[in-house]
């Protein structure tokens, strides 16, 4: 639990005091101006505190989640994504797609949130900083009993797991689920959310060091891929949530029961095209079978989903696996490690 789990009073002007002072005009932030390896292009600088719009809130960041998305935004890889990320130069300049903290100021049109509220959610870039501005509608209150660091992780990764299982995969109570790549942020959330959504059985595939975490997350069976091939189980699943892409599509289809669903969340990447070929192939590969595989999707920002995730976290049904806490000065290293794609749960940057 961070010091932001205990909010302070506000002064008469509606600005939360900080050691007796008003909100500063500058702040420290991790910044990048060009694409490249994080350790080469990301540095901590003093920059202006972002301006507050009428529909925005200014949040003092308590913790920001480290996501694979941030690594892609900083490196500009794979190259086929550059039209979206920024063709020659990055569109975003401060990493951090989701965070949690305390509201320090609100725009003129904001009534749903107030100064001193603990909030979390996605932001339009900028979580690796002391302050961030985000539309008020993007954020939801942190429930009682949930810490700032936990709440910071309930954004991109948890929404991807929730929407992948419920919306893209059509998970129904009583179904059997396979989560391949159950150790990272998305995968560890997927195991827990599959159980919360009513799956009767969840098989999790991960490496040796993550077996116990998967069991604690509620997996009924854990396959250590370094010791056992999931294909040797002779089992088929109603929903195959693929967060690794480590199997061929032919082998993946064999693990899906008749009328079952295969959902691809990610797969190995390359500098130029991968995972694009697999993304395009999935729906066609399953098109002439009784099984179903939706086209590749990216999670949508949803306040309703964030509110659901908050309720599940408050009830204990969803418990983020926190791996590492990085300081803001270590932001570049945090992104470099994330880019190795061997994460154990979630990590956060503490400004």
Protein backbone atom coordinates (compact mmCIF):
# COMPACT_ATOMS: atom_id res chain seq x y z
CA UNK A 1 0.00 0.00 0.00
CA UNK A 2 1.39 3.42 -0.95
CA UNK A 3 1.01 6.75 0.81
CA UNK A 4 -1.70 7.61 -1.72
CA UNK A 5 -3.98 5.09 -0.06
CA UNK A 6 -4.48 7.80 2.55
CA UNK A 7 -5.82 10.98 0.93
CA UNK A 8 -5.47 14.49 2.31
CA UNK A 9 -7.95 17.30 2.74
CA UNK A 10 -8.34 20.04 0.15
CA UNK A 11 -8.00 23.75 0.61
CA UNK A 12 -10.67 26.40 0.00
CA UNK A 13 -9.76 26.82 -3.63
CA UNK A 14 -10.49 23.20 -4.44
CA UNK A 15 -6.84 22.32 -4.97
CA UNK A 16 -5.43 19.47 -2.87
CA UNK A 17 -2.44 20.76 -0.90
CA UNK A 18 0.96 19.14 -1.20
CA UNK A 19 3.01 19.91 1.91
CA UNK A 20 1.20 23.21 2.16
CA UNK A 21 1.79 24.17 -1.48
CA UNK A 22 -0.50 24.25 -4.50
CA UNK A 23 -0.03 22.01 -7.52
CA UNK A 24 3.38 22.68 -9.11
CA UNK A 25 3.76 23.80 -12.70
CA UNK A 26 6.44 21.20 -13.52
CA UNK A 27 6.87 17.52 -12.80
CA UNK A 28 9.19 14.59 -13.40
CA UNK A 29 8.23 12.19 -16.18
CA UNK A 30 9.74 9.41 -18.27
CA UNK A 31 9.94 10.84 -21.79
CA UNK A 32 10.87 9.57 -25.25
CA UNK A 33 10.99 11.58 -28.48
CA UNK A 34 12.00 8.88 -30.95
CA UNK A 35 11.57 5.15 -31.41
CA UNK A 36 14.18 2.73 -30.14
CA UNK A 37 15.16 0.40 -27.32
CA UNK A 38 13.77 1.85 -24.07
CA UNK A 39 17.19 1.99 -22.42
CA UNK A 40 18.38 4.23 -25.28
CA UNK A 41 15.41 6.54 -25.85
CA UNK A 42 13.60 6.88 -22.49
CA UNK A 43 14.90 9.37 -19.93
CA UNK A 44 13.45 11.09 -16.88
CA UNK A 45 13.05 14.83 -17.38
CA UNK A 46 11.35 17.82 -15.85
CA UNK A 47 8.37 18.78 -17.99
CA UNK A 48 5.27 20.97 -17.58
CA UNK A 49 2.33 19.53 -15.67
CA UNK A 50 -0.31 18.79 -18.35
CA UNK A 51 -3.12 21.29 -18.79
CA UNK A 52 -6.54 20.46 -17.39
CA UNK A 53 -9.51 20.49 -19.77
CA UNK A 54 -13.12 21.12 -18.81
CA UNK A 55 -13.96 17.40 -18.91
CA UNK A 56 -10.68 16.22 -17.38
CA UNK A 57 -9.23 15.43 -14.00
CA UNK A 58 -5.65 15.94 -12.87
CA UNK A 59 -4.37 12.92 -10.98
CA UNK A 60 -1.30 12.65 -8.77
CA UNK A 61 0.00 9.26 -9.90
CA UNK A 62 0.57 6.70 -7.17
CA UNK A 63 1.49 3.81 -9.46
CA UNK A 64 1.44 3.14 -13.20
CA UNK A 65 1.18 -0.30 -14.73
CA UNK A 66 3.89 -1.60 -17.08
CA UNK A 67 2.27 -3.07 -20.20
CA UNK A 68 3.49 -4.71 -23.38
CA UNK A 69 1.57 -1.90 -25.10
CA UNK A 70 4.02 0.62 -23.65
CA UNK A 71 6.97 -1.32 -25.03
CA UNK A 72 5.38 -1.34 -28.50
CA UNK A 73 4.69 2.40 -28.30
CA UNK A 74 8.28 3.20 -27.31
CA UNK A 75 10.02 0.89 -29.80
CA UNK A 76 7.56 1.42 -32.66
CA UNK A 77 7.59 -2.33 -33.27
CA UNK A 78 6.48 -4.28 -35.16
CA UNK A 79 6.89 -1.97 -38.12
CA UNK A 80 3.50 -2.77 -39.64
CA UNK A 81 1.91 -0.95 -36.68
CA UNK A 82 3.73 2.34 -37.38
CA UNK A 83 0.74 3.99 -39.17
CA UNK A 84 -1.14 3.66 -35.88
CA UNK A 85 1.74 4.38 -33.50
CA UNK A 86 3.15 7.27 -35.54
CA UNK A 87 4.76 6.77 -38.93
CA UNK A 88 8.09 8.54 -38.39
CA UNK A 89 7.81 9.82 -34.84
CA UNK A 90 5.85 8.52 -31.86
CA UNK A 91 2.45 10.08 -31.20
CA UNK A 92 2.86 9.60 -27.45
CA UNK A 93 5.89 10.82 -25.55
CA UNK A 94 5.32 9.56 -21.98
CA UNK A 95 4.73 5.81 -21.45
CA UNK A 96 2.05 4.49 -19.15
CA UNK A 97 -1.34 3.51 -20.54
CA UNK A 98 -3.02 2.94 -17.16
CA UNK A 99 -2.46 4.12 -13.61
CA UNK A 100 -4.01 4.81 -10.21
CA UNK A 101 -3.73 7.83 -7.98
CA UNK A 102 -5.54 10.69 -6.27
CA UNK A 103 -7.53 13.43 -8.00
CA UNK A 104 -5.82 16.78 -7.43
CA UNK A 105 -8.03 19.02 -9.59
CA UNK A 106 -11.16 18.68 -11.73
CA UNK A 107 -12.35 20.42 -14.86
CA UNK A 108 -15.34 22.75 -14.88
CA UNK A 109 -17.70 20.11 -16.31
CA UNK A 110 -16.68 17.26 -14.00
CA UNK A 111 -19.21 16.26 -11.33
CA UNK A 112 -18.78 12.48 -11.02
CA UNK A 113 -15.32 12.66 -9.43
CA UNK A 114 -13.98 15.03 -6.81
CA UNK A 115 -10.68 16.22 -5.39
CA UNK A 116 -9.19 13.65 -3.05
CA UNK A 117 -10.87 10.67 -4.76
CA UNK A 118 -8.69 7.62 -5.36
CA UNK A 119 -9.16 6.63 -9.02
CA UNK A 120 -7.77 4.22 -11.57
CA UNK A 121 -8.09 3.44 -15.25
CA UNK A 122 -6.65 4.05 -18.66
CA UNK A 123 -5.09 7.35 -19.66
CA UNK A 124 -4.21 8.78 -23.07
CA UNK A 125 -0.52 8.21 -22.36
CA UNK A 126 1.53 9.65 -19.57
CA UNK A 127 1.21 7.35 -16.56
CA UNK A 128 4.99 7.26 -15.99
CA UNK A 129 4.92 10.71 -14.44
CA UNK A 130 4.11 12.49 -11.20
CA UNK A 131 0.86 13.86 -12.63
CA UNK A 132 -1.42 12.86 -15.48
CA UNK A 133 -4.52 14.40 -17.05
CA UNK A 134 -7.29 12.11 -18.27
CA UNK A 135 -10.95 12.46 -19.24
CA UNK A 136 -13.03 11.92 -16.11
CA UNK A 137 -15.15 9.34 -17.95
CA UNK A 138 -12.08 7.14 -18.40
CA UNK A 139 -11.56 6.68 -14.67
CA UNK A 140 -13.42 4.95 -11.84
CA UNK A 141 -13.05 5.08 -8.06
CA UNK A 142 -10.69 2.66 -6.33
CA UNK A 143 -12.89 0.57 -3.98
CA UNK A 144 -12.25 0.28 -0.28
CA UNK A 145 -9.81 -2.50 0.55
CA UNK A 146 -7.97 -2.26 -2.78
CA UNK A 147 -4.54 -0.62 -2.78
CA UNK A 148 -3.31 1.92 -5.29
CA UNK A 149 -0.71 -0.47 -6.71
CA UNK A 150 -3.32 -3.21 -7.21
CA UNK A 151 -5.74 -0.79 -8.82
CA UNK A 152 -3.06 0.48 -11.20
CA UNK A 153 -2.90 -2.95 -12.84
CA UNK A 154 -6.66 -3.19 -13.50
CA UNK A 155 -6.58 -1.44 -16.84
CA UNK A 156 -5.27 -2.67 -20.18
CA UNK A 157 -4.28 -6.20 -19.10
CA UNK A 158 -7.39 -7.02 -17.06
CA UNK A 159 -9.73 -5.50 -19.67
CA UNK A 160 -8.02 -7.59 -22.37
CA UNK A 161 -8.53 -10.77 -20.34
CA UNK A 162 -12.14 -9.92 -19.50
CA UNK A 163 -13.19 -8.95 -23.01
CA UNK A 164 -11.22 -11.82 -24.54
CA UNK A 165 -13.02 -14.40 -22.41
CA UNK A 166 -16.48 -12.88 -22.18
CA UNK A 167 -16.94 -10.98 -25.45
CA UNK A 168 -14.62 -12.51 -28.03
CA UNK A 169 -14.72 -16.03 -26.59
CA UNK A 170 -18.35 -16.03 -25.44
CA UNK A 171 -17.45 -17.83 -22.21
CA UNK A 172 -20.48 -19.35 -20.49
CA UNK A 173 -20.80 -20.88 -17.02
CA UNK A 174 -19.85 -24.55 -16.94
CA UNK A 175 -17.39 -24.41 -19.83
CA UNK A 176 -13.82 -25.71 -19.84
CA UNK A 177 -11.09 -23.16 -20.55
CA UNK A 178 -7.45 -23.44 -21.59
CA UNK A 179 -5.24 -20.41 -20.92
CA UNK A 180 -1.96 -20.67 -22.80
CA UNK A 181 0.53 -18.14 -21.44
CA UNK A 182 -0.98 -17.89 -17.98
CA UNK A 183 1.92 -16.14 -16.27
CA UNK A 184 1.96 -12.56 -17.54
CA UNK A 185 -0.44 -9.75 -16.77
CA UNK A 186 -3.16 -10.76 -19.23
CA UNK A 187 -2.71 -14.48 -18.62
CA UNK A 188 -2.77 -14.30 -14.82
CA UNK A 189 -5.93 -12.20 -14.98
CA UNK A 190 -7.47 -14.61 -17.52
CA UNK A 191 -7.16 -17.58 -15.14
CA UNK A 192 -8.90 -15.71 -12.34
CA UNK A 193 -11.55 -14.13 -14.55
CA UNK A 194 -12.41 -17.43 -16.22
CA UNK A 195 -13.29 -18.81 -12.79
CA UNK A 196 -15.15 -15.62 -11.82
CA UNK A 197 -17.21 -15.89 -15.03
CA UNK A 198 -18.24 -19.44 -14.16
CA UNK A 199 -15.82 -21.74 -15.97
CA UNK A 200 -16.11 -25.25 -14.53
CA UNK A 201 -12.46 -26.08 -15.25
CA UNK A 202 -9.42 -23.97 -16.12
CA UNK A 203 -6.16 -25.43 -17.39
CA UNK A 204 -3.25 -22.97 -17.23
CA UNK A 205 -0.05 -23.35 -19.27
CA UNK A 206 3.04 -21.55 -17.93
CA UNK A 207 6.69 -22.03 -16.99
CA UNK A 208 7.98 -23.69 -13.82
CA UNK A 209 8.43 -20.50 -11.80
CA UNK A 210 4.80 -19.50 -12.36
CA UNK A 211 3.08 -22.79 -11.53
CA UNK A 212 2.22 -21.90 -7.93
CA UNK A 213 0.92 -18.46 -8.91
CA UNK A 214 -1.40 -20.06 -11.47
CA UNK A 215 -2.68 -22.48 -8.84
CA UNK A 216 -3.30 -19.63 -6.41
CA UNK A 217 -5.20 -17.86 -9.18
CA UNK A 218 -7.69 -20.71 -9.27
CA UNK A 219 -6.42 -22.94 -12.07
CA UNK A 220 -7.77 -26.48 -11.71
CA UNK A 221 -4.80 -27.90 -13.58
CA UNK A 222 -1.43 -26.31 -14.36
CA UNK A 223 0.79 -27.52 -17.19
CA UNK A 224 4.47 -26.61 -16.91
CA UNK A 225 5.39 -26.36 -20.58
CA UNK A 226 9.07 -26.99 -19.81
CA UNK A 227 8.14 -30.47 -18.55
CA UNK A 228 4.93 -31.41 -20.34
CA UNK A 229 3.40 -30.72 -23.72
CA UNK A 230 -0.21 -29.56 -23.40
CA UNK A 231 -0.97 -31.49 -26.59
CA UNK A 232 -0.18 -34.72 -24.73
CA UNK A 233 -3.19 -34.26 -22.43
CA UNK A 234 -5.57 -35.62 -25.04
CA UNK A 235 -8.09 -33.01 -23.92
CA UNK A 236 -10.22 -30.46 -25.75
CA UNK A 237 -11.64 -27.21 -24.42
CA UNK A 238 -14.72 -25.10 -25.01
CA UNK A 239 -12.55 -22.00 -25.05
CA UNK A 240 -8.85 -21.76 -25.85
CA UNK A 241 -7.56 -18.37 -24.69
CA UNK A 242 -4.18 -18.12 -26.41
CA UNK A 243 -1.93 -15.58 -24.76
CA UNK A 244 1.27 -17.07 -26.18
CA UNK A 245 0.83 -18.25 -29.77
CA UNK A 246 3.39 -20.96 -29.10
CA UNK A 247 1.51 -23.68 -30.99
CA UNK A 248 0.71 -23.91 -34.67
CA UNK A 249 -2.86 -23.14 -35.64
CA UNK A 250 -3.32 -26.78 -36.62
CA UNK A 251 -2.29 -27.95 -33.16
CA UNK A 252 -4.31 -25.18 -31.55
CA UNK A 253 -7.45 -26.32 -33.36
CA UNK A 254 -6.99 -29.84 -32.03
CA UNK A 255 -7.24 -28.44 -28.51
CA UNK A 256 -10.61 -26.83 -29.23
CA UNK A 257 -13.74 -28.93 -28.71
CA UNK A 258 -16.40 -29.16 -31.44
CA UNK A 259 -18.33 -25.86 -31.49
CA UNK A 260 -15.64 -24.43 -29.19
CA UNK A 261 -13.82 -21.12 -29.64
CA UNK A 262 -10.19 -20.13 -30.15
CA UNK A 263 -9.23 -16.58 -29.10
CA UNK A 264 -5.80 -15.24 -30.07
CA UNK A 265 -4.56 -12.48 -27.79
CA UNK A 266 -0.90 -12.37 -28.79
CA UNK A 267 1.85 -14.44 -30.38
CA UNK A 268 5.62 -14.18 -30.99
CA UNK A 269 6.70 -10.97 -32.69
CA UNK A 270 9.33 -9.84 -35.15
CA UNK A 271 10.70 -6.49 -36.25
CA UNK A 272 8.55 -6.20 -39.36
CA UNK A 273 5.49 -8.42 -39.69
CA UNK A 274 4.90 -10.95 -36.94
CA UNK A 275 2.30 -11.43 -35.51
CA UNK A 276 0.38 -10.01 -38.51
CA UNK A 277 0.38 -13.23 -40.61
CA UNK A 278 -1.11 -15.23 -37.72
CA UNK A 279 -3.60 -12.47 -36.92
CA UNK A 280 -4.89 -12.59 -40.49
CA UNK A 281 -4.87 -16.39 -40.71
CA UNK A 282 -6.85 -17.28 -37.59
CA UNK A 283 -10.45 -16.68 -38.78
CA UNK A 284 -9.81 -18.35 -42.14
CA UNK A 285 -8.14 -21.38 -40.58
CA UNK A 286 -11.22 -22.08 -38.46
CA UNK A 287 -13.76 -21.01 -41.10
CA UNK A 288 -14.64 -24.49 -42.40
CA UNK A 289 -14.92 -26.27 -39.07
CA UNK A 290 -17.56 -26.42 -36.35
CA UNK A 291 -15.23 -24.35 -34.20
CA UNK A 292 -15.14 -20.59 -34.05
CA UNK A 293 -12.27 -18.11 -34.00
CA UNK A 294 -12.95 -14.36 -34.08
CA UNK A 295 -10.65 -12.01 -35.91
CA UNK A 296 -7.86 -10.49 -33.82
CA UNK A 297 -9.11 -7.71 -31.57
CA UNK A 298 -7.70 -5.13 -29.20
CA UNK A 299 -9.47 -4.46 -25.92
CA UNK A 300 -11.78 -1.46 -25.88
CA UNK A 301 -11.70 1.09 -23.10
CA UNK A 302 -14.83 0.54 -21.01
CA UNK A 303 -15.82 2.29 -17.79
CA UNK A 304 -18.41 -0.43 -17.12
CA UNK A 305 -15.70 -3.09 -17.38
CA UNK A 306 -13.41 -1.14 -15.06
CA UNK A 307 -16.24 -0.91 -12.54
CA UNK A 308 -16.79 -4.67 -12.81
CA UNK A 309 -13.07 -5.33 -12.33
CA UNK A 310 -13.09 -3.04 -9.29
CA UNK A 311 -15.96 -5.01 -7.74
CA UNK A 312 -14.19 -8.31 -8.38
CA UNK A 313 -10.99 -6.96 -6.83
CA UNK A 314 -12.88 -5.66 -3.80
CA UNK A 315 -14.56 -9.04 -3.31
CA UNK A 316 -11.26 -10.92 -3.57
CA UNK A 317 -12.21 -12.73 -6.79
CA UNK A 318 -9.51 -10.83 -8.67
CA UNK A 319 -6.09 -10.38 -7.12
CA UNK A 320 -3.30 -8.92 -9.28
CA UNK A 321 -0.03 -10.83 -9.19
CA UNK A 322 2.50 -8.05 -8.46
CA UNK A 323 5.99 -8.95 -9.61
CA UNK A 324 8.16 -5.84 -9.35
CA UNK A 325 7.97 -2.24 -8.23
CA UNK A 326 10.14 0.12 -10.24
CA UNK A 327 10.99 3.72 -9.41
CA UNK A 328 10.43 6.40 -12.04
CA UNK A 329 14.20 6.56 -12.53
CA UNK A 330 14.05 2.88 -13.51
CA UNK A 331 11.27 3.32 -16.09
CA UNK A 332 13.52 2.55 -19.06
CA UNK A 333 14.71 -0.67 -17.44
CA UNK A 334 11.14 -1.63 -16.55
CA UNK A 335 10.19 -1.31 -20.22
CA UNK A 336 13.28 -3.21 -21.37
CA UNK A 337 12.41 -6.13 -19.09
CA UNK A 338 8.78 -6.01 -20.24
CA UNK A 339 10.04 -6.33 -23.81
CA UNK A 340 11.55 -9.72 -22.99
CA UNK A 341 7.93 -10.97 -22.76
CA UNK A 342 8.55 -13.23 -19.78
CA UNK A 343 6.59 -11.22 -17.24
CA UNK A 344 5.36 -12.80 -14.02
CA UNK A 345 2.07 -11.07 -13.37
CA UNK A 346 2.16 -7.30 -13.35
CA UNK A 347 4.81 -4.72 -12.53
CA UNK A 348 4.30 -1.07 -11.64
CA UNK A 349 6.28 2.15 -11.80
CA UNK A 350 6.10 4.32 -8.67
CA UNK A 351 6.74 8.03 -9.45
